[in-house]
Amino acid sequence: MKVRFLIAITIINLFVSCTQKTSDTNRKPILEVEGKFLYQDQIQDILPPNISKKDSAVIVSRYKKAWVTDVLMYENAKRNISNQNDIEELVETYRKSLTIHQYQQKLIQQRLKEPTDEELSTFYEQYQSHLILNENVIKGILLILPSSAPNLANVRNWVKSCNSSSLEKIEKYSVQNAISYDYFGDKWLTLNDVISKIPLQVSDLTSFVRTNRFVERSDSSKHYFLRILSYSCVGQVEPFEMAKEKINIILQNKKKEEFISNFESELYQDAVKNETVNFFDK
């Protein structure tokens, strides 16, 4: 709440400071309240392109009301709040923090490099005990066909073999016949998410994934083919492809913290060395 309050105060201060008590002669005023003016170009900026006149009128009406209310609330608040100095101090504190943060982010963007593949791999090897799966995951294909789909015997063989030639045939066949075709041989999905699309009740997912490579099911309207190419079970180390993004974020955050800490230390040491800082207690 405190942060939201400070942001609101900052925005209002900026807004009011940029608004003159007399209208800008180069701009067309739409309305005025408490010596503050709302201009036509400000209204134009809020309207999306190709909007209907009816929708435009609704948006403009709401914006005007909100604008007037903000001005009135702020002016009334100034007249009735006595601790303006405390507010200004809070605003200045927030402004300083925001400015420093923006500067830090700019430095990070300009100077900090992305973690290398070697760094990602090293972290993965060192911290595998922290990268344990809590769900079974698989790679494979899921093909859902209407019950009336032709050549099911051929499709069954293609799905079972799942080599490059078969995948090409499945792809072509699916364009004309499939309800859906999901190839995820190059990414890990949770087993639970995949089989939730199949009329299949499984009490032990870990046992299921260890003993099944091909699953075929039917209901009143659809035919389902699932081919599991790879799997990893609950309690095992998360596959590197899955963990890579998570590790990347961890290493980035660590690098950012170290970079900012080192930059601040160098900034201080340089200031002392160059006698930018004057110590009076020597």
C-alpha atoms as a PDB file:
ATOM      1  CA  MET A   1       0.000   0.000   0.000  1.00  0.00           C
ATOM      2  CA  LYS A   2       2.818   2.417   0.877  1.00  0.00           C
ATOM      3  CA  VAL A   3       4.481   1.909  -2.514  1.00  0.00           C
ATOM      4  CA  ARG A   4       1.187   2.434  -4.349  1.00  0.00           C
ATOM      5  CA  PHE A   5       0.592   5.599  -2.321  1.00  0.00           C
ATOM      6  CA  LEU A   6       4.017   6.961  -3.156  1.00  0.00           C
ATOM      7  CA  ILE A   7       3.603   6.143  -6.833  1.00  0.00           C
ATOM      8  CA  ALA A   8       0.248   7.866  -6.894  1.00  0.00           C
ATOM      9  CA  ILE A   9       1.636  10.977  -5.186  1.00  0.00           C
ATOM     10  CA  THR A  10       4.585  11.073  -7.594  1.00  0.00           C
ATOM     11  CA  ILE A  11       2.363  10.775 -10.648  1.00  0.00           C
ATOM     12  CA  ILE A  12       0.011  13.467  -9.366  1.00  0.00           C
ATOM     13  CA  ASN A  13       2.900  15.811  -8.608  1.00  0.00           C
ATOM     14  CA  LEU A  14       4.313  15.315 -12.087  1.00  0.00           C
ATOM     15  CA  PHE A  15       0.887  15.755 -13.626  1.00  0.00           C
ATOM     16  CA  VAL A  16       0.075  18.935 -11.746  1.00  0.00           C
ATOM     17  CA  SER A  17       3.521  20.429 -12.229  1.00  0.00           C
ATOM     18  CA  CYS A  18       3.123  20.095 -15.978  1.00  0.00           C
ATOM     19  CA  THR A  19      -0.304  21.743 -16.041  1.00  0.00           C
ATOM     20  CA  GLN A  20      -0.474  25.544 -16.254  1.00  0.00           C
ATOM     21  CA  LYS A  21      -3.008  27.786 -14.550  1.00  0.00           C
ATOM     22  CA  THR A  22      -3.684  29.393 -17.909  1.00  0.00           C
ATOM     23  CA  SER A  23      -4.386  27.343 -20.995  1.00  0.00           C
ATOM     24  CA  ASP A  24      -1.703  26.702 -23.588  1.00  0.00           C
ATOM     25  CA  THR A  25      -2.574  28.934 -26.546  1.00  0.00           C
ATOM     26  CA  ASN A  26      -1.114  26.345 -28.942  1.00  0.00           C
ATOM     27  CA  ARG A  27      -3.498  23.630 -27.743  1.00  0.00           C
ATOM     28  CA  LYS A  28      -7.267  23.296 -27.750  1.00  0.00           C
ATOM     29  CA  PRO A  29      -8.664  23.015 -24.192  1.00  0.00           C
ATOM     30  CA  ILE A  30     -11.560  20.595 -23.592  1.00  0.00           C
ATOM     31  CA  LEU A  31     -12.335  21.495 -19.982  1.00  0.00           C
ATOM     32  CA  GLU A  32     -10.920  23.324 -16.983  1.00  0.00           C
ATOM     33  CA  VAL A  33     -11.143  22.717 -13.251  1.00  0.00           C
ATOM     34  CA  GLU A  34      -9.221  24.397 -10.434  1.00  0.00           C
ATOM     35  CA  GLY A  35      -7.087  26.194 -13.017  1.00  0.00           C
ATOM     36  CA  LYS A  36      -6.009  22.926 -14.643  1.00  0.00           C
ATOM     37  CA  PHE A  37      -6.762  22.259 -18.326  1.00  0.00           C
ATOM     38  CA  LEU A  38      -7.437  19.058 -20.251  1.00  0.00           C
ATOM     39  CA  TYR A  39      -6.545  19.361 -23.938  1.00  0.00           C
ATOM     40  CA  GLN A  40      -7.848  17.807 -27.139  1.00  0.00           C
ATOM     41  CA  ASP A  41      -4.502  16.132 -27.955  1.00  0.00           C
ATOM     42  CA  GLN A  42      -4.562  14.373 -24.577  1.00  0.00           C
ATOM     43  CA  ILE A  43      -7.963  12.923 -25.457  1.00  0.00           C
ATOM     44  CA  GLN A  44      -6.741  11.785 -28.861  1.00  0.00           C
ATOM     45  CA  ASP A  45      -3.830   9.933 -27.264  1.00  0.00           C
ATOM     46  CA  ILE A  46      -6.119   7.634 -25.258  1.00  0.00           C
ATOM     47  CA  LEU A  47      -8.289   6.535 -28.192  1.00  0.00           C
ATOM     48  CA  PRO A  48      -7.340   3.319 -30.000  1.00  0.00           C
ATOM     49  CA  PRO A  49      -7.346   3.366 -33.815  1.00  0.00           C
ATOM     50  CA  ASN A  50     -10.484   2.458 -35.773  1.00  0.00           C
ATOM     51  CA  ILE A  51     -12.748   2.881 -32.757  1.00  0.00           C
ATOM     52  CA  SER A  52     -16.453   3.553 -33.338  1.00  0.00           C
ATOM     53  CA  LYS A  53     -17.980   6.925 -32.428  1.00  0.00           C
ATOM     54  CA  LYS A  54     -20.139   5.283 -29.779  1.00  0.00           C
ATOM     55  CA  ASP A  55     -17.216   3.535 -28.059  1.00  0.00           C
ATOM     56  CA  SER A  56     -15.095   6.644 -28.422  1.00  0.00           C
ATOM     57  CA  ALA A  57     -17.723   8.747 -26.651  1.00  0.00           C
ATOM     58  CA  VAL A  58     -17.874   6.273 -23.754  1.00  0.00           C
ATOM     59  CA  ILE A  59     -14.078   6.214 -23.328  1.00  0.00           C
ATOM     60  CA  VAL A  60     -13.786  10.010 -23.513  1.00  0.00           C
ATOM     61  CA  SER A  61     -16.595  10.500 -21.004  1.00  0.00           C
ATOM     62  CA  ARG A  62     -14.969   8.134 -18.514  1.00  0.00           C
ATOM     63  CA  TYR A  63     -11.570   9.704 -19.013  1.00  0.00           C
ATOM     64  CA  LYS A  64     -12.894  13.217 -18.433  1.00  0.00           C
ATOM     65  CA  LYS A  65     -14.637  12.141 -15.263  1.00  0.00           C
ATOM     66  CA  ALA A  66     -11.516  10.400 -13.949  1.00  0.00           C
ATOM     67  CA  TRP A  67      -9.335  13.382 -14.888  1.00  0.00           C
ATOM     68  CA  VAL A  68     -11.587  15.899 -13.141  1.00  0.00           C
ATOM     69  CA  THR A  69     -11.897  13.663 -10.095  1.00  0.00           C
ATOM     70  CA  ASP A  70      -8.112  13.323  -9.818  1.00  0.00           C
ATOM     71  CA  VAL A  71      -7.629  17.092  -9.978  1.00  0.00           C
ATOM     72  CA  LEU A  72     -10.376  17.774  -7.426  1.00  0.00           C
ATOM     73  CA  MET A  73      -9.123  15.093  -5.035  1.00  0.00           C
ATOM     74  CA  TYR A  74      -5.575  16.388  -5.242  1.00  0.00           C
ATOM     75  CA  GLU A  75      -6.531  20.037  -4.757  1.00  0.00           C
ATOM     76  CA  ASN A  76      -8.781  19.155  -1.823  1.00  0.00           C
ATOM     77  CA  ALA A  77      -6.058  16.988  -0.334  1.00  0.00           C
ATOM     78  CA  LYS A  78      -3.541  19.838  -0.531  1.00  0.00           C
ATOM     79  CA  ARG A  79      -5.940  22.152   1.265  1.00  0.00           C
ATOM     80  CA  ASN A  80      -6.721  19.680   4.004  1.00  0.00           C
ATOM     81  CA  ILE A  81      -3.462  17.829   4.621  1.00  0.00           C
ATOM     82  CA  SER A  82      -1.072  19.580   6.960  1.00  0.00           C
ATOM     83  CA  ASN A  83       1.928  17.241   6.731  1.00  0.00           C
ATOM     84  CA  GLN A  84       2.992  18.288   3.238  1.00  0.00           C
ATOM     85  CA  ASN A  85       6.665  18.269   4.253  1.00  0.00           C
ATOM     86  CA  ASP A  86       6.416  14.605   5.278  1.00  0.00           C
ATOM     87  CA  ILE A  87       4.784  13.773   1.976  1.00  0.00           C
ATOM     88  CA  GLU A  88       7.457  15.621   0.011  1.00  0.00           C
ATOM     89  CA  GLU A  89      10.129  13.726   1.933  1.00  0.00           C
ATOM     90  CA  LEU A  90       8.467  10.406   1.122  1.00  0.00           C
ATOM     91  CA  VAL A  91       8.122  11.373  -2.534  1.00  0.00           C
ATOM     92  CA  GLU A  92      11.777  12.402  -2.727  1.00  0.00           C
ATOM     93  CA  THR A  93      12.843   9.125  -1.103  1.00  0.00           C
ATOM     94  CA  TYR A  94      10.848   7.160  -3.622  1.00  0.00           C
ATOM     95  CA  ARG A  95      12.102   9.304  -6.514  1.00  0.00           C
ATOM     96  CA  LYS A  96      15.699   8.637  -5.460  1.00  0.00           C
ATOM     97  CA  SER A  97      15.098   4.886  -5.161  1.00  0.00           C
ATOM     98  CA  LEU A  98      13.356   4.774  -8.534  1.00  0.00           C
ATOM     99  CA  THR A  99      16.144   6.751 -10.229  1.00  0.00           C
ATOM    100  CA  ILE A 100      18.843   4.496  -8.781  1.00  0.00           C
ATOM    101  CA  HIS A 101      16.898   1.409  -9.819  1.00  0.00           C
ATOM    102  CA  GLN A 102      16.491   2.678 -13.383  1.00  0.00           C
ATOM    103  CA  TYR A 103      20.211   3.458 -13.559  1.00  0.00           C
ATOM    104  CA  GLN A 104      21.126   0.001 -12.244  1.00  0.00           C
ATOM    105  CA  GLN A 105      18.874  -1.673 -14.818  1.00  0.00           C
ATOM    106  CA  LYS A 106      20.485   0.359 -17.604  1.00  0.00           C
ATOM    107  CA  LEU A 107      23.964  -0.650 -16.439  1.00  0.00           C
ATOM    108  CA  ILE A 108      22.930  -4.303 -16.241  1.00  0.00           C
ATOM    109  CA  GLN A 109      21.450  -4.162 -19.740  1.00  0.00           C
ATOM    110  CA  GLN A 110      24.574  -2.551 -21.183  1.00  0.00           C
ATOM    111  CA  ARG A 111      27.316  -4.474 -19.406  1.00  0.00           C
ATOM    112  CA  LEU A 112      26.028  -7.794 -18.092  1.00  0.00           C
ATOM    113  CA  LYS A 113      26.356 -10.854 -20.309  1.00  0.00           C
ATOM    114  CA  GLU A 114      23.939 -13.789 -20.446  1.00  0.00           C
ATOM    115  CA  PRO A 115      25.044 -16.975 -18.644  1.00  0.00           C
ATOM    116  CA  THR A 116      27.005 -19.229 -20.983  1.00  0.00           C
ATOM    117  CA  ASP A 117      26.037 -22.818 -21.782  1.00  0.00           C
ATOM    118  CA  GLU A 118      29.055 -23.925 -19.757  1.00  0.00           C
ATOM    119  CA  GLU A 119      27.834 -21.991 -16.717  1.00  0.00           C
ATOM    120  CA  LEU A 120      24.347 -23.465 -17.091  1.00  0.00           C
ATOM    121  CA  SER A 121      25.745 -26.996 -17.340  1.00  0.00           C
ATOM    122  CA  THR A 122      28.074 -26.500 -14.386  1.00  0.00           C
ATOM    123  CA  PHE A 123      25.237 -25.266 -12.194  1.00  0.00           C
ATOM    124  CA  TYR A 124      23.075 -28.198 -13.299  1.00  0.00           C
ATOM    125  CA  GLU A 125      25.782 -30.704 -12.350  1.00  0.00           C
ATOM    126  CA  GLN A 126      26.511 -29.067  -8.997  1.00  0.00           C
ATOM    127  CA  TYR A 127      22.940 -28.549  -7.801  1.00  0.00           C
ATOM    128  CA  GLN A 128      21.062 -31.575  -9.086  1.00  0.00           C
ATOM    129  CA  SER A 129      19.831 -32.321  -5.578  1.00  0.00           C
ATOM    130  CA  HIS A 130      17.787 -29.105  -5.818  1.00  0.00           C
ATOM    131  CA  LEU A 131      16.348 -29.992  -9.226  1.00  0.00           C
ATOM    132  CA  ILE A 132      14.127 -32.939  -8.409  1.00  0.00           C
ATOM    133  CA  LEU A 133      10.932 -33.625 -10.349  1.00  0.00           C
ATOM    134  CA  ASN A 134       7.640 -33.547  -8.481  1.00  0.00           C
ATOM    135  CA  GLU A 135       5.733 -34.647 -11.596  1.00  0.00           C
ATOM    136  CA  ASN A 136       6.294 -37.285 -14.257  1.00  0.00           C
ATOM    137  CA  VAL A 137       7.292 -35.756 -17.589  1.00  0.00           C
ATOM    138  CA  ILE A 138       7.388 -37.171 -21.103  1.00  0.00           C
ATOM    139  CA  LYS A 139       8.355 -36.468 -24.681  1.00  0.00           C
ATOM    140  CA  GLY A 140       6.309 -37.893 -27.525  1.00  0.00           C
ATOM    141  CA  ILE A 141       3.333 -37.390 -29.834  1.00  0.00           C
ATOM    142  CA  LEU A 142      -0.418 -37.302 -29.264  1.00  0.00           C
ATOM    143  CA  LEU A 143      -2.697 -37.809 -32.249  1.00  0.00           C
ATOM    144  CA  ILE A 144      -6.480 -37.450 -31.917  1.00  0.00           C
ATOM    145  CA  LEU A 145      -8.642 -38.565 -34.840  1.00  0.00           C
ATOM    146  CA  PRO A 146     -12.376 -38.763 -35.491  1.00  0.00           C
ATOM    147  CA  SER A 147     -13.736 -42.300 -35.198  1.00  0.00           C
ATOM    148  CA  SER A 148     -14.422 -42.299 -38.939  1.00  0.00           C
ATOM    149  CA  ALA A 149     -10.796 -41.498 -39.867  1.00  0.00           C
ATOM    150  CA  PRO A 150      -9.440 -43.771 -42.629  1.00  0.00           C
ATOM    151  CA  ASN A 151      -6.445 -46.100 -42.593  1.00  0.00           C
ATOM    152  CA  LEU A 152      -6.190 -46.493 -38.809  1.00  0.00           C
ATOM    153  CA  ALA A 153      -3.993 -49.553 -39.190  1.00  0.00           C
ATOM    154  CA  ASN A 154      -1.396 -47.533 -41.112  1.00  0.00           C
ATOM    155  CA  VAL A 155      -1.624 -44.678 -38.636  1.00  0.00           C
ATOM    156  CA  ARG A 156      -1.118 -47.118 -35.746  1.00  0.00           C
ATOM    157  CA  ASN A 157       2.092 -48.411 -37.334  1.00  0.00           C
ATOM    158  CA  TRP A 158       3.363 -44.894 -38.046  1.00  0.00           C
ATOM    159  CA  VAL A 159       2.785 -43.804 -34.465  1.00  0.00           C
ATOM    160  CA  LYS A 160       4.427 -46.923 -33.061  1.00  0.00           C
ATOM    161  CA  SER A 161       7.544 -46.626 -35.205  1.00  0.00           C
ATOM    162  CA  CYS A 162       7.771 -42.844 -34.863  1.00  0.00           C
ATOM    163  CA  ASN A 163      10.835 -42.499 -37.094  1.00  0.00           C
ATOM    164  CA  SER A 164      11.461 -39.578 -39.445  1.00  0.00           C
ATOM    165  CA  SER A 165       9.609 -41.212 -42.324  1.00  0.00           C
ATOM    166  CA  SER A 166       6.615 -42.084 -40.143  1.00  0.00           C
ATOM    167  CA  LEU A 167       6.474 -38.608 -38.638  1.00  0.00           C
ATOM    168  CA  GLU A 168       6.363 -37.111 -42.118  1.00  0.00           C
ATOM    169  CA  LYS A 169       3.451 -39.412 -43.009  1.00  0.00           C
ATOM    170  CA  ILE A 170       1.627 -38.537 -39.787  1.00  0.00           C
ATOM    171  CA  GLU A 171       2.098 -34.848 -40.497  1.00  0.00           C
ATOM    172  CA  LYS A 172       0.599 -35.119 -43.984  1.00  0.00           C
ATOM    173  CA  TYR A 173      -2.201 -37.396 -42.809  1.00  0.00           C
ATOM    174  CA  SER A 174      -3.095 -35.053 -39.928  1.00  0.00           C
ATOM    175  CA  VAL A 175      -3.613 -32.053 -42.195  1.00  0.00           C
ATOM    176  CA  GLN A 176      -6.661 -33.692 -43.746  1.00  0.00           C
ATOM    177  CA  ASN A 177      -7.860 -36.087 -41.063  1.00  0.00           C
ATOM    178  CA  ALA A 178      -6.775 -35.204 -37.519  1.00  0.00           C
ATOM    179  CA  ILE A 179      -8.742 -33.351 -34.871  1.00  0.00           C
ATOM    180  CA  SER A 180      -5.406 -32.478 -33.319  1.00  0.00           C
ATOM    181  CA  TYR A 181      -1.790 -33.517 -33.674  1.00  0.00           C
ATOM    182  CA  ASP A 182       0.729 -32.543 -31.012  1.00  0.00           C
ATOM    183  CA  TYR A 183       4.376 -33.387 -31.557  1.00  0.00           C
ATOM    184  CA  PHE A 184       6.413 -32.760 -28.404  1.00  0.00           C
ATOM    185  CA  GLY A 185       9.420 -34.932 -29.092  1.00  0.00           C
ATOM    186  CA  ASP A 186      11.654 -31.911 -28.551  1.00  0.00           C
ATOM    187  CA  LYS A 187      10.188 -30.659 -25.275  1.00  0.00           C
ATOM    188  CA  TRP A 188       9.047 -32.061 -21.951  1.00  0.00           C
ATOM    189  CA  LEU A 189       5.389 -32.019 -20.920  1.00  0.00           C
ATOM    190  CA  THR A 190       3.858 -33.336 -17.728  1.00  0.00           C
ATOM    191  CA  LEU A 191       2.322 -36.769 -18.140  1.00  0.00           C
ATOM    192  CA  ASN A 192      -0.768 -35.626 -16.286  1.00  0.00           C
ATOM    193  CA  ASP A 193      -1.423 -32.818 -18.786  1.00  0.00           C
ATOM    194  CA  VAL A 194      -1.055 -35.168 -21.744  1.00  0.00           C
ATOM    195  CA  ILE A 195      -3.226 -38.038 -20.572  1.00  0.00           C
ATOM    196  CA  SER A 196      -5.908 -35.617 -19.392  1.00  0.00           C
ATOM    197  CA  LYS A 197      -6.728 -35.330 -23.112  1.00  0.00           C
ATOM    198  CA  ILE A 198      -7.301 -39.089 -23.378  1.00  0.00           C
ATOM    199  CA  PRO A 199     -10.215 -41.144 -21.985  1.00  0.00           C
ATOM    200  CA  LEU A 200      -7.843 -42.977 -19.673  1.00  0.00           C
ATOM    201  CA  GLN A 201      -7.954 -43.564 -15.924  1.00  0.00           C
ATOM    202  CA  VAL A 202      -4.522 -44.101 -14.347  1.00  0.00           C
ATOM    203  CA  SER A 203      -4.093 -44.662 -10.626  1.00  0.00           C
ATOM    204  CA  ASP A 204      -0.289 -44.833 -10.623  1.00  0.00           C
ATOM    205  CA  LEU A 205       1.253 -42.446 -13.144  1.00  0.00           C
ATOM    206  CA  THR A 206       4.828 -43.467 -12.382  1.00  0.00           C
ATOM    207  CA  SER A 207       4.113 -47.141 -12.970  1.00  0.00           C
ATOM    208  CA  PHE A 208       2.151 -46.274 -16.090  1.00  0.00           C
ATOM    209  CA  VAL A 209       4.902 -44.251 -17.716  1.00  0.00           C
ATOM    210  CA  ARG A 210       7.502 -46.910 -16.934  1.00  0.00           C
ATOM    211  CA  THR A 211       5.509 -49.714 -18.555  1.00  0.00           C
ATOM    212  CA  ASN A 212       3.879 -48.002 -21.542  1.00  0.00           C
ATOM    213  CA  ARG A 213       5.395 -46.628 -24.731  1.00  0.00           C
ATOM    214  CA  PHE A 214       2.321 -46.793 -26.924  1.00  0.00           C
ATOM    215  CA  VAL A 215      -1.271 -46.094 -25.852  1.00  0.00           C
ATOM    216  CA  GLU A 216      -4.375 -46.404 -28.024  1.00  0.00           C
ATOM    217  CA  ARG A 217      -7.874 -45.548 -26.834  1.00  0.00           C
ATOM    218  CA  SER A 218     -11.296 -44.837 -28.345  1.00  0.00           C
ATOM    219  CA  ASP A 219     -14.564 -43.303 -27.250  1.00  0.00           C
ATOM    220  CA  SER A 220     -17.853 -42.694 -29.059  1.00  0.00           C
ATOM    221  CA  SER A 221     -16.446 -40.016 -31.353  1.00  0.00           C
ATOM    222  CA  LYS A 222     -12.651 -40.059 -31.291  1.00  0.00           C
ATOM    223  CA  HIS A 223      -9.617 -42.283 -31.603  1.00  0.00           C
ATOM    224  CA  TYR A 224      -6.457 -41.518 -29.586  1.00  0.00           C
ATOM    225  CA  PHE A 225      -2.833 -42.483 -30.217  1.00  0.00           C
ATOM    226  CA  LEU A 226      -0.092 -41.639 -27.708  1.00  0.00           C
ATOM    227  CA  ARG A 227       3.553 -42.482 -28.298  1.00  0.00           C
ATOM    228  CA  ILE A 228       5.968 -41.894 -25.426  1.00  0.00           C
ATOM    229  CA  LEU A 229       9.501 -41.362 -26.689  1.00  0.00           C
ATOM    230  CA  SER A 230      11.221 -40.429 -23.414  1.00  0.00           C
ATOM    231  CA  TYR A 231      10.199 -40.089 -19.809  1.00  0.00           C
ATOM    232  CA  SER A 232      11.481 -38.981 -16.437  1.00  0.00           C
ATOM    233  CA  CYS A 233       9.745 -39.848 -13.194  1.00  0.00           C
ATOM    234  CA  VAL A 234       8.905 -38.171  -9.917  1.00  0.00           C
ATOM    235  CA  GLY A 235      11.961 -38.098  -7.644  1.00  0.00           C
ATOM    236  CA  GLN A 236      14.462 -38.121 -10.498  1.00  0.00           C
ATOM    237  CA  VAL A 237      16.632 -35.171 -11.478  1.00  0.00           C
ATOM    238  CA  GLU A 238      14.836 -32.730 -13.724  1.00  0.00           C
ATOM    239  CA  PRO A 239      16.019 -33.039 -17.352  1.00  0.00           C
ATOM    240  CA  PHE A 240      18.490 -30.341 -18.313  1.00  0.00           C
ATOM    241  CA  GLU A 241      16.215 -28.988 -21.069  1.00  0.00           C
ATOM    242  CA  MET A 242      13.510 -28.361 -18.476  1.00  0.00           C
ATOM    243  CA  ALA A 243      15.848 -26.973 -15.833  1.00  0.00           C
ATOM    244  CA  LYS A 244      17.767 -24.730 -18.237  1.00  0.00           C
ATOM    245  CA  GLU A 245      15.364 -21.771 -18.104  1.00  0.00           C
ATOM    246  CA  LYS A 246      15.119 -21.941 -14.323  1.00  0.00           C
ATOM    247  CA  ILE A 247      18.900 -22.116 -13.983  1.00  0.00           C
ATOM    248  CA  ASN A 248      19.308 -19.207 -16.388  1.00  0.00           C
ATOM    249  CA  ILE A 249      17.098 -17.017 -14.197  1.00  0.00           C
ATOM    250  CA  ILE A 250      18.976 -18.043 -11.036  1.00  0.00           C
ATOM    251  CA  LEU A 251      22.362 -17.278 -12.588  1.00  0.00           C
ATOM    252  CA  GLN A 252      21.147 -13.983 -14.056  1.00  0.00           C
ATOM    253  CA  ASN A 253      19.891 -12.829 -10.658  1.00  0.00           C
ATOM    254  CA  LYS A 254      23.141 -13.883  -9.023  1.00  0.00           C
ATOM    255  CA  LYS A 255      25.174 -12.030 -11.653  1.00  0.00           C
ATOM    256  CA  LYS A 256      23.028  -8.927 -11.229  1.00  0.00           C
ATOM    257  CA  GLU A 257      23.532  -8.902  -7.464  1.00  0.00           C
ATOM    258  CA  GLU A 258      27.281  -9.383  -7.805  1.00  0.00           C
ATOM    259  CA  PHE A 259      27.548  -6.767 -10.545  1.00  0.00           C
ATOM    260  CA  ILE A 260      25.658  -4.118  -8.560  1.00  0.00           C
ATOM    261  CA  SER A 261      27.581  -4.906  -5.385  1.00  0.00           C
ATOM    262  CA  ASN A 262      30.925  -4.632  -7.192  1.00  0.00           C
ATOM    263  CA  PHE A 263      29.863  -1.468  -9.021  1.00  0.00           C
ATOM    264  CA  GLU A 264      28.815   0.205  -5.768  1.00  0.00           C
ATOM    265  CA  SER A 265      32.095  -0.812  -4.119  1.00  0.00           C
ATOM    266  CA  GLU A 266      34.144   0.553  -7.039  1.00  0.00           C
ATOM    267  CA  LEU A 267      32.094   3.744  -7.055  1.00  0.00           C
ATOM    268  CA  TYR A 268      32.845   4.293  -3.363  1.00  0.00           C
ATOM    269  CA  GLN A 269      36.542   3.421  -3.649  1.00  0.00           C
ATOM    270  CA  ASP A 270      36.990   5.749  -6.632  1.00  0.00           C
ATOM    271  CA  ALA A 271      35.272   8.576  -4.778  1.00  0.00           C
ATOM    272  CA  VAL A 272      37.581   8.109  -1.795  1.00  0.00           C
ATOM    273  CA  LYS A 273      40.678   7.822  -4.002  1.00  0.00           C
ATOM    274  CA  ASN A 274      39.779  10.940  -5.997  1.00  0.00           C
ATOM    275  CA  GLU A 275      38.880  12.799  -2.785  1.00  0.00           C
ATOM    276  CA  THR A 276      35.341  13.355  -3.970  1.00  0.00           C
ATOM    277  CA  VAL A 277      34.343  12.401  -0.444  1.00  0.00           C
ATOM    278  CA  ASN A 278      35.444  14.737   2.315  1.00  0.00           C
ATOM    279  CA  PHE A 279      35.769  13.132   5.737  1.00  0.00           C
ATOM    280  CA  PHE A 280      35.612  15.681   8.573  1.00  0.00           C
ATOM    281  CA  ASP A 281      36.255  13.251  11.427  1.00  0.00           C
ATOM    282  CA  LYS A 282      39.901  12.455  10.565  1.00  0.00           C
END
